[in-house]
Amino acid sequence: MKHLILISILLFSIIDAHSQKSMPGFYINLENDTIETQIRIRKGVFGQTTNDFIDEVEVGDSLTGFKKYGPDDIKGYGFISGSNKVFLLSKPIKNGSKKFLAPFYIGPKSSLYQYGFRSSGGGAIASQQTFYTFEKSDGSYLFLRDIVNKKFKAEVKEFYKDNTEVQQIIDTKLKYWLDLKKDLTEILTAANK
């Protein structure tokens, strides 16, 4: 029995040691300084990434060790994983807290950020929910979910009520979920003219 316990402890220690790696990256502190660092990527027993990239990031180096930062501690972070460039910024969400969100469109007058959840929903087909944070340069925000309906369209229209060109585009767009990303890109492009 003692051997079984020792083997189990050794096996879990080896798995845990190999379940975390770091890669070159950076973070932006609250003073807008970009600091090059290592970003820790946690891996599960079967190699899957287990980080919650929207709630925290672990950064550090071999000299100072690793430290966790949340969206209230830094402005953003990024790294390259294989062919994927990951860049996340600290932005507010509907409940008033902040998360690290992926930029969808960044412009001088208006920007759009997103984050999402994927779940199996108990069925054979996974579902995904995407949440959007619209931002204007005046500091105003709009928080929506990817359900394209009259309410979604009305709230986007209200958010951009000061721009007649955007109003006209919104009147002809935001009808179909499959066109949502294309429509949002067109709206944000016009809002930033």
N, C-alpha and C. Protein backbone atom coordinates (compact mmCIF):
# COMPACT_ATOMS: atom_id res chain seq x y z
N MET A 1 0.83 -1.20 0.00
CA MET A 1 0.00 0.00 0.00
C MET A 1 0.87 1.26 0.00
N LYS A 2 1.97 1.24 0.80
CA LYS A 2 2.85 2.40 0.84
C LYS A 2 3.46 2.67 -0.54
N HIS A 3 3.82 1.58 -1.24
CA HIS A 3 4.40 1.74 -2.57
C HIS A 3 3.40 2.38 -3.53
N LEU A 4 2.16 1.97 -3.43
CA LEU A 4 1.13 2.52 -4.29
C LEU A 4 0.95 4.02 -4.03
N ILE A 5 0.95 4.41 -2.78
CA ILE A 5 0.82 5.82 -2.42
C ILE A 5 2.02 6.61 -2.92
N LEU A 6 3.23 6.07 -2.72
CA LEU A 6 4.44 6.76 -3.18
C LEU A 6 4.47 6.89 -4.71
N ILE A 7 4.07 5.85 -5.40
CA ILE A 7 4.03 5.90 -6.86
C ILE A 7 3.00 6.92 -7.33
N SER A 8 1.85 6.95 -6.66
CA SER A 8 0.81 7.92 -7.02
C SER A 8 1.30 9.35 -6.81
N ILE A 9 1.96 9.60 -5.69
CA ILE A 9 2.48 10.94 -5.42
C ILE A 9 3.52 11.32 -6.46
N LEU A 10 4.42 10.40 -6.78
CA LEU A 10 5.45 10.65 -7.78
C LEU A 10 4.83 10.92 -9.15
N LEU A 11 3.87 10.11 -9.52
CA LEU A 11 3.20 10.28 -10.81
C LEU A 11 2.50 11.63 -10.90
N PHE A 12 1.77 12.02 -9.87
CA PHE A 12 1.08 13.31 -9.89
C PHE A 12 2.07 14.48 -9.86
N SER A 13 3.21 14.31 -9.20
CA SER A 13 4.23 15.36 -9.19
C SER A 13 4.81 15.55 -10.58
N ILE A 14 5.08 14.46 -11.29
CA ILE A 14 5.61 14.54 -12.64
C ILE A 14 4.58 15.18 -13.57
N ILE A 15 3.34 14.74 -13.46
CA ILE A 15 2.27 15.31 -14.29
C ILE A 15 2.13 16.80 -14.03
N ASP A 16 2.17 17.20 -12.74
CA ASP A 16 2.03 18.61 -12.40
C ASP A 16 3.22 19.42 -12.92
N ALA A 17 4.42 18.87 -12.83
CA ALA A 17 5.62 19.58 -13.30
C ALA A 17 5.55 19.81 -14.81
N HIS A 18 4.99 18.86 -15.54
CA HIS A 18 4.90 19.01 -16.99
C HIS A 18 3.60 19.69 -17.42
N SER A 19 2.72 19.97 -16.49
CA SER A 19 1.43 20.53 -16.87
C SER A 19 1.46 22.05 -16.93
N GLN A 20 2.62 22.66 -16.65
CA GLN A 20 2.72 24.10 -16.73
C GLN A 20 3.93 24.46 -17.57
N LYS A 21 3.75 25.39 -18.47
CA LYS A 21 4.88 25.91 -19.22
C LYS A 21 4.68 27.40 -19.35
N SER A 22 5.72 28.07 -19.76
CA SER A 22 5.60 29.51 -19.96
C SER A 22 6.09 29.83 -21.35
N MET A 23 5.62 30.96 -21.83
CA MET A 23 6.04 31.41 -23.15
C MET A 23 6.26 32.91 -23.10
N PRO A 24 7.08 33.41 -24.02
CA PRO A 24 7.34 34.86 -24.03
C PRO A 24 6.06 35.65 -24.27
N GLY A 25 5.96 36.74 -23.57
CA GLY A 25 4.80 37.59 -23.72
C GLY A 25 5.08 38.95 -23.13
N PHE A 26 4.03 39.69 -22.85
CA PHE A 26 4.16 41.02 -22.27
C PHE A 26 2.90 41.33 -21.49
N TYR A 27 2.99 42.32 -20.62
CA TYR A 27 1.79 42.89 -20.02
C TYR A 27 1.95 44.40 -19.96
N ILE A 28 0.82 45.08 -19.88
CA ILE A 28 0.80 46.55 -19.83
C ILE A 28 0.34 46.94 -18.43
N ASN A 29 1.24 47.60 -17.68
CA ASN A 29 0.86 47.97 -16.32
C ASN A 29 -0.06 49.19 -16.33
N LEU A 30 -0.50 49.62 -15.17
CA LEU A 30 -1.46 50.72 -15.07
C LEU A 30 -0.85 52.07 -15.47
N GLU A 31 0.49 52.14 -15.56
CA GLU A 31 1.15 53.36 -16.00
C GLU A 31 1.42 53.34 -17.51
N ASN A 32 0.85 52.35 -18.23
CA ASN A 32 1.00 52.17 -19.68
C ASN A 32 2.39 51.72 -20.10
N ASP A 33 3.18 51.17 -19.18
CA ASP A 33 4.47 50.59 -19.53
C ASP A 33 4.24 49.17 -20.02
N THR A 34 4.91 48.80 -21.11
CA THR A 34 4.83 47.44 -21.61
C THR A 34 6.04 46.68 -21.09
N ILE A 35 5.79 45.62 -20.33
CA ILE A 35 6.85 44.86 -19.70
C ILE A 35 6.92 43.48 -20.35
N GLU A 36 8.08 43.15 -20.90
CA GLU A 36 8.28 41.81 -21.46
C GLU A 36 8.42 40.84 -20.31
N THR A 37 7.84 39.67 -20.48
CA THR A 37 7.80 38.71 -19.39
C THR A 37 7.54 37.31 -19.94
N GLN A 38 7.38 36.38 -19.06
CA GLN A 38 6.93 35.04 -19.41
C GLN A 38 5.49 34.90 -18.94
N ILE A 39 4.65 34.34 -19.77
CA ILE A 39 3.25 34.09 -19.42
C ILE A 39 3.12 32.60 -19.12
N ARG A 40 2.61 32.27 -17.96
CA ARG A 40 2.45 30.86 -17.60
C ARG A 40 1.16 30.32 -18.23
N ILE A 41 1.30 29.21 -18.90
CA ILE A 41 0.17 28.51 -19.50
C ILE A 41 0.02 27.19 -18.75
N ARG A 42 -1.08 27.05 -18.06
CA ARG A 42 -1.32 25.81 -17.32
C ARG A 42 -1.97 24.78 -18.24
N LYS A 43 -1.49 23.57 -18.12
CA LYS A 43 -2.03 22.47 -18.93
C LYS A 43 -2.61 21.42 -17.99
N GLY A 44 -3.68 20.81 -18.44
CA GLY A 44 -4.29 19.72 -17.70
C GLY A 44 -3.54 18.41 -17.94
N VAL A 45 -3.98 17.37 -17.30
CA VAL A 45 -3.34 16.06 -17.40
C VAL A 45 -3.27 15.59 -18.85
N PHE A 46 -4.26 15.91 -19.65
CA PHE A 46 -4.31 15.44 -21.03
C PHE A 46 -3.82 16.49 -22.02
N GLY A 47 -3.16 17.55 -21.54
CA GLY A 47 -2.57 18.55 -22.42
C GLY A 47 -3.46 19.73 -22.75
N GLN A 48 -4.68 19.75 -22.27
CA GLN A 48 -5.58 20.87 -22.57
C GLN A 48 -5.19 22.09 -21.74
N THR A 49 -5.37 23.26 -22.31
CA THR A 49 -5.08 24.50 -21.59
C THR A 49 -6.14 24.70 -20.52
N THR A 50 -5.70 25.02 -19.31
CA THR A 50 -6.66 25.19 -18.21
C THR A 50 -6.68 26.63 -17.68
N ASN A 51 -6.01 27.55 -18.35
CA ASN A 51 -6.04 28.95 -17.93
C ASN A 51 -7.44 29.52 -18.11
N ASP A 52 -7.77 30.44 -17.25
CA ASP A 52 -8.96 31.26 -17.44
C ASP A 52 -8.45 32.62 -17.88
N PHE A 53 -8.17 32.76 -19.16
CA PHE A 53 -7.50 33.94 -19.69
C PHE A 53 -8.27 35.23 -19.44
N ILE A 54 -9.58 35.17 -19.22
CA ILE A 54 -10.34 36.41 -19.05
C ILE A 54 -10.35 36.92 -17.61
N ASP A 55 -9.97 36.08 -16.65
CA ASP A 55 -10.03 36.50 -15.25
C ASP A 55 -8.66 36.77 -14.62
N GLU A 56 -7.61 36.13 -15.13
CA GLU A 56 -6.29 36.35 -14.55
C GLU A 56 -5.20 35.89 -15.50
N VAL A 57 -4.00 36.40 -15.27
CA VAL A 57 -2.82 35.98 -16.01
C VAL A 57 -1.69 35.83 -15.00
N GLU A 58 -0.85 34.85 -15.23
CA GLU A 58 0.30 34.62 -14.37
C GLU A 58 1.55 34.99 -15.15
N VAL A 59 2.28 36.00 -14.68
CA VAL A 59 3.47 36.48 -15.38
C VAL A 59 4.68 36.41 -14.46
N GLY A 60 5.86 36.30 -15.04
CA GLY A 60 7.05 36.29 -14.22
C GLY A 60 8.27 35.86 -14.99
N ASP A 61 9.33 35.59 -14.20
CA ASP A 61 10.58 35.10 -14.77
C ASP A 61 11.28 34.25 -13.74
N SER A 62 12.41 33.71 -14.11
CA SER A 62 13.13 32.80 -13.21
C SER A 62 13.74 33.53 -12.02
N LEU A 63 13.93 34.84 -12.12
CA LEU A 63 14.52 35.59 -11.01
C LEU A 63 13.50 36.00 -9.96
N THR A 64 12.35 36.48 -10.40
CA THR A 64 11.36 37.01 -9.45
C THR A 64 10.22 36.04 -9.19
N GLY A 65 10.13 34.96 -9.95
CA GLY A 65 9.01 34.04 -9.80
C GLY A 65 7.79 34.55 -10.55
N PHE A 66 6.69 33.87 -10.35
CA PHE A 66 5.47 34.23 -11.07
C PHE A 66 4.48 34.92 -10.14
N LYS A 67 3.73 35.84 -10.71
CA LYS A 67 2.73 36.59 -9.96
C LYS A 67 1.45 36.64 -10.77
N LYS A 68 0.31 36.52 -10.11
CA LYS A 68 -0.98 36.59 -10.79
C LYS A 68 -1.49 38.02 -10.80
N TYR A 69 -2.03 38.40 -11.97
CA TYR A 69 -2.66 39.70 -12.12
C TYR A 69 -4.08 39.51 -12.64
N GLY A 70 -4.97 40.34 -12.13
CA GLY A 70 -6.34 40.34 -12.61
C GLY A 70 -6.59 41.60 -13.44
N PRO A 71 -7.77 41.74 -14.00
CA PRO A 71 -8.10 42.90 -14.84
C PRO A 71 -8.04 44.24 -14.11
N ASP A 72 -8.11 44.25 -12.78
CA ASP A 72 -7.99 45.51 -12.05
C ASP A 72 -6.53 45.88 -11.79
N ASP A 73 -5.61 44.93 -12.00
CA ASP A 73 -4.20 45.14 -11.68
C ASP A 73 -3.37 45.63 -12.85
N ILE A 74 -3.75 45.26 -14.08
CA ILE A 74 -3.00 45.64 -15.28
C ILE A 74 -3.98 46.01 -16.39
N LYS A 75 -3.49 46.67 -17.44
CA LYS A 75 -4.36 47.09 -18.55
C LYS A 75 -4.54 46.01 -19.60
N GLY A 76 -3.61 45.06 -19.67
CA GLY A 76 -3.74 44.00 -20.66
C GLY A 76 -2.49 43.16 -20.75
N TYR A 77 -2.54 42.14 -21.59
CA TYR A 77 -1.38 41.27 -21.79
C TYR A 77 -1.51 40.55 -23.13
N GLY A 78 -0.40 39.94 -23.54
CA GLY A 78 -0.42 39.21 -24.80
C GLY A 78 0.72 38.23 -24.89
N PHE A 79 0.57 37.28 -25.81
CA PHE A 79 1.61 36.28 -26.08
C PHE A 79 1.28 35.59 -27.39
N ILE A 80 2.25 34.85 -27.90
CA ILE A 80 2.04 34.07 -29.12
C ILE A 80 2.12 32.60 -28.75
N SER A 81 1.10 31.87 -29.12
CA SER A 81 1.03 30.43 -28.87
C SER A 81 0.88 29.72 -30.21
N GLY A 82 1.98 29.17 -30.70
CA GLY A 82 1.95 28.55 -32.02
C GLY A 82 1.73 29.62 -33.06
N SER A 83 0.68 29.48 -33.85
CA SER A 83 0.35 30.50 -34.86
C SER A 83 -0.70 31.49 -34.36
N ASN A 84 -1.12 31.35 -33.10
CA ASN A 84 -2.15 32.23 -32.53
C ASN A 84 -1.53 33.38 -31.75
N LYS A 85 -1.92 34.59 -32.10
CA LYS A 85 -1.52 35.77 -31.33
C LYS A 85 -2.66 36.07 -30.36
N VAL A 86 -2.34 36.08 -29.08
CA VAL A 86 -3.35 36.35 -28.06
C VAL A 86 -3.06 37.72 -27.47
N PHE A 87 -4.05 38.61 -27.52
CA PHE A 87 -3.94 39.95 -26.95
C PHE A 87 -5.26 40.25 -26.26
N LEU A 88 -5.20 40.53 -24.98
CA LEU A 88 -6.41 40.78 -24.20
C LEU A 88 -6.24 42.07 -23.41
N LEU A 89 -7.32 42.85 -23.33
CA LEU A 89 -7.32 44.12 -22.62
C LEU A 89 -8.33 44.09 -21.49
N SER A 90 -8.01 44.78 -20.41
CA SER A 90 -8.91 44.88 -19.27
C SER A 90 -10.02 45.88 -19.59
N LYS A 91 -11.25 45.39 -19.62
CA LYS A 91 -12.41 46.23 -19.95
C LYS A 91 -13.58 45.83 -19.05
N PRO A 92 -14.51 46.77 -18.84
CA PRO A 92 -15.68 46.45 -18.01
C PRO A 92 -16.65 45.53 -18.74
N ILE A 93 -17.41 44.80 -17.95
CA ILE A 93 -18.50 43.98 -18.48
C ILE A 93 -19.79 44.43 -17.81
N LYS A 94 -20.89 43.81 -18.19
CA LYS A 94 -22.22 44.29 -17.78
C LYS A 94 -22.41 44.41 -16.26
N ASN A 95 -21.85 43.47 -15.49
CA ASN A 95 -22.09 43.50 -14.04
C ASN A 95 -21.23 44.51 -13.30
N GLY A 96 -20.41 45.30 -14.03
CA GLY A 96 -19.60 46.33 -13.40
C GLY A 96 -18.18 45.90 -13.10
N SER A 97 -17.91 44.62 -13.13
CA SER A 97 -16.55 44.15 -12.91
C SER A 97 -15.78 44.23 -14.22
N LYS A 98 -14.51 43.87 -14.18
CA LYS A 98 -13.68 43.86 -15.39
C LYS A 98 -13.23 42.45 -15.70
N LYS A 99 -12.97 42.22 -16.99
CA LYS A 99 -12.39 40.97 -17.47
C LYS A 99 -11.38 41.34 -18.55
N PHE A 100 -10.52 40.39 -18.87
CA PHE A 100 -9.63 40.57 -20.01
C PHE A 100 -10.40 40.16 -21.26
N LEU A 101 -10.64 41.13 -22.15
CA LEU A 101 -11.44 40.89 -23.34
C LEU A 101 -10.58 40.96 -24.59
N ALA A 102 -11.00 40.20 -25.61
CA ALA A 102 -10.30 40.21 -26.89
C ALA A 102 -10.82 41.38 -27.73
N PRO A 103 -9.92 42.17 -28.29
CA PRO A 103 -10.38 43.24 -29.18
C PRO A 103 -11.01 42.66 -30.44
N PHE A 104 -12.19 43.14 -30.79
CA PHE A 104 -12.85 42.78 -32.04
C PHE A 104 -12.54 43.86 -33.07
N TYR A 105 -12.60 45.11 -32.61
CA TYR A 105 -12.32 46.26 -33.48
C TYR A 105 -11.85 47.38 -32.56
N ILE A 106 -10.69 47.95 -32.86
CA ILE A 106 -10.19 49.09 -32.08
C ILE A 106 -10.09 50.29 -33.00
N GLY A 107 -10.77 51.35 -32.62
CA GLY A 107 -10.76 52.58 -33.41
C GLY A 107 -10.56 53.79 -32.53
N PRO A 108 -10.30 54.95 -33.14
CA PRO A 108 -10.07 56.17 -32.35
C PRO A 108 -11.33 56.73 -31.70
N LYS A 109 -12.50 56.44 -32.28
CA LYS A 109 -13.75 56.97 -31.73
C LYS A 109 -14.59 55.91 -31.02
N SER A 110 -14.49 54.67 -31.48
CA SER A 110 -15.29 53.59 -30.90
C SER A 110 -14.58 52.25 -31.10
N SER A 111 -14.68 51.40 -30.10
CA SER A 111 -14.06 50.08 -30.16
C SER A 111 -15.05 49.03 -29.68
N LEU A 112 -14.73 47.78 -29.99
CA LEU A 112 -15.58 46.67 -29.58
C LEU A 112 -14.70 45.54 -29.08
N TYR A 113 -15.06 45.00 -27.92
CA TYR A 113 -14.32 43.90 -27.29
C TYR A 113 -15.30 42.76 -27.04
N GLN A 114 -14.74 41.54 -26.93
CA GLN A 114 -15.62 40.39 -26.74
C GLN A 114 -14.96 39.32 -25.87
N TYR A 115 -15.80 38.51 -25.27
CA TYR A 115 -15.37 37.28 -24.62
C TYR A 115 -16.52 36.29 -24.75
N GLY A 116 -16.21 35.03 -24.58
CA GLY A 116 -17.26 34.04 -24.77
C GLY A 116 -17.07 32.81 -23.93
N PHE A 117 -18.12 32.02 -23.89
CA PHE A 117 -18.14 30.75 -23.19
C PHE A 117 -18.62 29.68 -24.15
N ARG A 118 -18.05 28.53 -24.06
CA ARG A 118 -18.49 27.39 -24.86
C ARG A 118 -18.95 26.32 -23.88
N SER A 119 -20.12 25.77 -24.15
CA SER A 119 -20.64 24.72 -23.28
C SER A 119 -21.30 23.64 -24.11
N SER A 120 -21.35 22.46 -23.54
CA SER A 120 -21.98 21.35 -24.27
C SER A 120 -23.49 21.43 -24.18
N GLY A 121 -24.00 22.07 -23.17
CA GLY A 121 -25.45 22.24 -23.02
C GLY A 121 -26.19 20.93 -22.80
N GLY A 122 -25.45 19.89 -22.51
CA GLY A 122 -26.08 18.60 -22.25
C GLY A 122 -26.44 17.84 -23.51
N GLY A 123 -26.17 18.41 -24.65
CA GLY A 123 -26.49 17.76 -25.92
C GLY A 123 -25.24 17.42 -26.69
N ALA A 124 -25.43 16.96 -27.88
CA ALA A 124 -24.30 16.56 -28.72
C ALA A 124 -23.62 17.75 -29.37
N ILE A 125 -24.30 18.87 -29.49
CA ILE A 125 -23.74 20.04 -30.15
C ILE A 125 -23.40 21.09 -29.10
N ALA A 126 -22.16 21.57 -29.16
CA ALA A 126 -21.73 22.60 -28.22
C ALA A 126 -22.35 23.94 -28.62
N SER A 127 -22.61 24.76 -27.61
CA SER A 127 -23.12 26.09 -27.89
C SER A 127 -22.10 27.12 -27.41
N GLN A 128 -22.12 28.27 -28.01
CA GLN A 128 -21.21 29.33 -27.62
C GLN A 128 -22.00 30.60 -27.39
N GLN A 129 -21.65 31.28 -26.32
CA GLN A 129 -22.24 32.58 -26.02
C GLN A 129 -21.13 33.61 -26.09
N THR A 130 -21.36 34.68 -26.82
CA THR A 130 -20.38 35.75 -26.92
C THR A 130 -20.99 37.00 -26.31
N PHE A 131 -20.18 37.68 -25.51
CA PHE A 131 -20.60 38.92 -24.86
C PHE A 131 -19.74 40.05 -25.40
N TYR A 132 -20.37 41.18 -25.69
CA TYR A 132 -19.70 42.32 -26.29
C TYR A 132 -19.67 43.51 -25.35
N THR A 133 -18.55 44.24 -25.38
CA THR A 133 -18.43 45.53 -24.72
C THR A 133 -18.10 46.55 -25.81
N PHE A 134 -19.08 47.41 -26.12
CA PHE A 134 -18.85 48.53 -27.03
C PHE A 134 -18.30 49.68 -26.20
N GLU A 135 -17.35 50.40 -26.75
CA GLU A 135 -16.74 51.51 -26.02
C GLU A 135 -16.60 52.71 -26.95
N LYS A 136 -16.93 53.89 -26.43
CA LYS A 136 -16.70 55.14 -27.17
C LYS A 136 -15.55 55.89 -26.51
N SER A 137 -14.94 56.78 -27.27
CA SER A 137 -13.80 57.54 -26.75
C SER A 137 -14.21 58.47 -25.60
N ASP A 138 -15.51 58.76 -25.45
CA ASP A 138 -15.97 59.61 -24.34
C ASP A 138 -16.13 58.82 -23.04
N GLY A 139 -15.79 57.50 -23.08
CA GLY A 139 -15.86 56.67 -21.88
C GLY A 139 -17.20 55.98 -21.67
N SER A 140 -18.10 56.08 -22.62
CA SER A 140 -19.39 55.39 -22.48
C SER A 140 -19.28 53.96 -23.01
N TYR A 141 -20.10 53.09 -22.44
CA TYR A 141 -20.06 51.66 -22.77
C TYR A 141 -21.47 51.14 -23.05
N LEU A 142 -21.50 50.08 -23.84
CA LEU A 142 -22.73 49.32 -24.09
C LEU A 142 -22.36 47.85 -23.98
N PHE A 143 -23.15 47.09 -23.22
CA PHE A 143 -22.89 45.67 -23.00
C PHE A 143 -24.02 44.84 -23.59
N LEU A 144 -23.67 43.94 -24.50
CA LEU A 144 -24.68 43.12 -25.16
C LEU A 144 -24.20 41.68 -25.30
N ARG A 145 -25.15 40.80 -25.50
CA ARG A 145 -24.87 39.40 -25.80
C ARG A 145 -25.22 39.15 -27.26
N ASP A 146 -24.68 38.12 -27.87
CA ASP A 146 -24.82 37.87 -29.30
C ASP A 146 -26.18 37.31 -29.72
N ILE A 147 -27.23 37.83 -29.17
CA ILE A 147 -28.58 37.45 -29.57
C ILE A 147 -29.11 38.58 -30.46
N VAL A 148 -29.18 38.31 -31.75
CA VAL A 148 -29.61 39.34 -32.70
C VAL A 148 -31.13 39.37 -32.70
N ASN A 149 -31.66 40.42 -32.11
CA ASN A 149 -33.11 40.63 -32.09
C ASN A 149 -33.38 42.13 -32.10
N LYS A 150 -34.62 42.52 -31.97
CA LYS A 150 -34.98 43.94 -32.02
C LYS A 150 -34.32 44.72 -30.89
N LYS A 151 -34.23 44.12 -29.72
CA LYS A 151 -33.62 44.80 -28.58
C LYS A 151 -32.13 45.07 -28.84
N PHE A 152 -31.42 44.09 -29.37
CA PHE A 152 -30.00 44.24 -29.69
C PHE A 152 -29.82 45.41 -30.66
N LYS A 153 -30.60 45.39 -31.73
CA LYS A 153 -30.51 46.43 -32.76
C LYS A 153 -30.85 47.80 -32.17
N ALA A 154 -31.90 47.88 -31.36
CA ALA A 154 -32.32 49.15 -30.75
C ALA A 154 -31.23 49.70 -29.82
N GLU A 155 -30.58 48.84 -29.06
CA GLU A 155 -29.56 49.31 -28.13
C GLU A 155 -28.31 49.80 -28.86
N VAL A 156 -27.93 49.11 -29.94
CA VAL A 156 -26.79 49.58 -30.74
C VAL A 156 -27.13 50.92 -31.38
N LYS A 157 -28.34 51.02 -31.89
CA LYS A 157 -28.80 52.27 -32.52
C LYS A 157 -28.79 53.43 -31.51
N GLU A 158 -29.26 53.17 -30.31
CA GLU A 158 -29.26 54.19 -29.26
C GLU A 158 -27.83 54.60 -28.90
N PHE A 159 -26.93 53.64 -28.84
CA PHE A 159 -25.53 53.91 -28.48
C PHE A 159 -24.86 54.82 -29.50
N TYR A 160 -25.22 54.66 -30.77
CA TYR A 160 -24.63 55.46 -31.84
C TYR A 160 -25.60 56.53 -32.37
N LYS A 161 -26.49 57.00 -31.52
CA LYS A 161 -27.52 57.95 -31.95
C LYS A 161 -26.97 59.27 -32.46
N ASP A 162 -25.75 59.61 -32.10
CA ASP A 162 -25.15 60.87 -32.52
C ASP A 162 -24.49 60.80 -33.91
N ASN A 163 -24.58 59.65 -34.59
CA ASN A 163 -23.93 59.48 -35.88
C ASN A 163 -24.98 59.00 -36.90
N THR A 164 -25.40 59.90 -37.78
CA THR A 164 -26.48 59.56 -38.73
C THR A 164 -26.05 58.49 -39.74
N GLU A 165 -24.79 58.50 -40.15
CA GLU A 165 -24.33 57.46 -41.09
C GLU A 165 -24.43 56.07 -40.45
N VAL A 166 -24.02 55.98 -39.21
CA VAL A 166 -24.12 54.70 -38.49
C VAL A 166 -25.58 54.30 -38.31
N GLN A 167 -26.43 55.27 -38.02
CA GLN A 167 -27.87 54.99 -37.87
C GLN A 167 -28.44 54.36 -39.15
N GLN A 168 -28.05 54.89 -40.30
CA GLN A 168 -28.54 54.35 -41.58
C GLN A 168 -28.02 52.94 -41.81
N ILE A 169 -26.78 52.67 -41.45
CA ILE A 169 -26.23 51.32 -41.60
C ILE A 169 -26.96 50.35 -40.68
N ILE A 170 -27.18 50.76 -39.45
CA ILE A 170 -27.87 49.89 -38.49
C ILE A 170 -29.27 49.54 -38.99
N ASP A 171 -29.94 50.49 -39.64
CA ASP A 171 -31.28 50.23 -40.18
C ASP A 171 -31.30 49.08 -41.17
N THR A 172 -30.20 48.87 -41.87
CA THR A 172 -30.15 47.80 -42.89
C THR A 172 -29.42 46.55 -42.41
N LYS A 173 -28.84 46.58 -41.22
CA LYS A 173 -28.02 45.48 -40.71
C LYS A 173 -28.62 44.88 -39.44
N LEU A 174 -27.87 43.98 -38.84
CA LEU A 174 -28.23 43.33 -37.58
C LEU A 174 -29.55 42.58 -37.69
N LYS A 175 -29.68 41.82 -38.77
CA LYS A 175 -30.89 41.02 -38.99
C LYS A 175 -30.64 39.53 -38.77
N TYR A 176 -29.44 39.09 -39.08
CA TYR A 176 -29.16 37.65 -39.04
C TYR A 176 -27.92 37.39 -38.20
N TRP A 177 -28.02 36.37 -37.36
CA TRP A 177 -26.91 36.00 -36.48
C TRP A 177 -25.66 35.66 -37.28
N LEU A 178 -25.80 34.98 -38.40
CA LEU A 178 -24.64 34.58 -39.20
C LEU A 178 -23.89 35.77 -39.79
N ASP A 179 -24.55 36.90 -39.93
CA ASP A 179 -23.92 38.11 -40.47
C ASP A 179 -23.46 39.07 -39.38
N LEU A 180 -23.60 38.68 -38.13
CA LEU A 180 -23.36 39.60 -37.02
C LEU A 180 -21.96 40.20 -37.04
N LYS A 181 -20.93 39.38 -37.18
CA LYS A 181 -19.56 39.91 -37.14
C LYS A 181 -19.30 40.86 -38.31
N LYS A 182 -19.77 40.51 -39.47
CA LYS A 182 -19.61 41.37 -40.66
C LYS A 182 -20.36 42.69 -40.43
N ASP A 183 -21.57 42.61 -39.90
CA ASP A 183 -22.37 43.81 -39.64
C ASP A 183 -21.71 44.71 -38.59
N LEU A 184 -21.20 44.10 -37.52
CA LEU A 184 -20.54 44.89 -36.46
C LEU A 184 -19.28 45.57 -37.00
N THR A 185 -18.54 44.88 -37.85
CA THR A 185 -17.35 45.48 -38.46
C THR A 185 -17.72 46.69 -39.29
N GLU A 186 -18.79 46.57 -40.07
CA GLU A 186 -19.24 47.69 -40.90
C GLU A 186 -19.70 48.87 -40.03
N ILE A 187 -20.41 48.58 -38.97
CA ILE A 187 -20.89 49.62 -38.06
C ILE A 187 -19.71 50.33 -37.39
N LEU A 188 -18.77 49.56 -36.89
CA LEU A 188 -17.61 50.17 -36.20
C LEU A 188 -16.73 50.96 -37.18
N THR A 189 -16.60 50.47 -38.40
CA THR A 189 -15.82 51.20 -39.42
C THR A 189 -16.46 52.57 -39.67
N ALA A 190 -17.76 52.61 -39.82
CA ALA A 190 -18.46 53.88 -40.04
C ALA A 190 -18.39 54.78 -38.82
N ALA A 191 -18.46 54.20 -37.63
CA ALA A 191 -18.42 54.99 -36.39
C ALA A 191 -17.07 55.65 -36.19
N ASN A 192 -16.05 55.13 -36.83
CA ASN A 192 -14.70 55.67 -36.65
C ASN A 192 -14.23 56.59 -37.77
N LYS A 193 -15.14 56.95 -38.68
CA LYS A 193 -14.76 57.89 -39.76
C LYS A 193 -14.64 59.29 -39.23
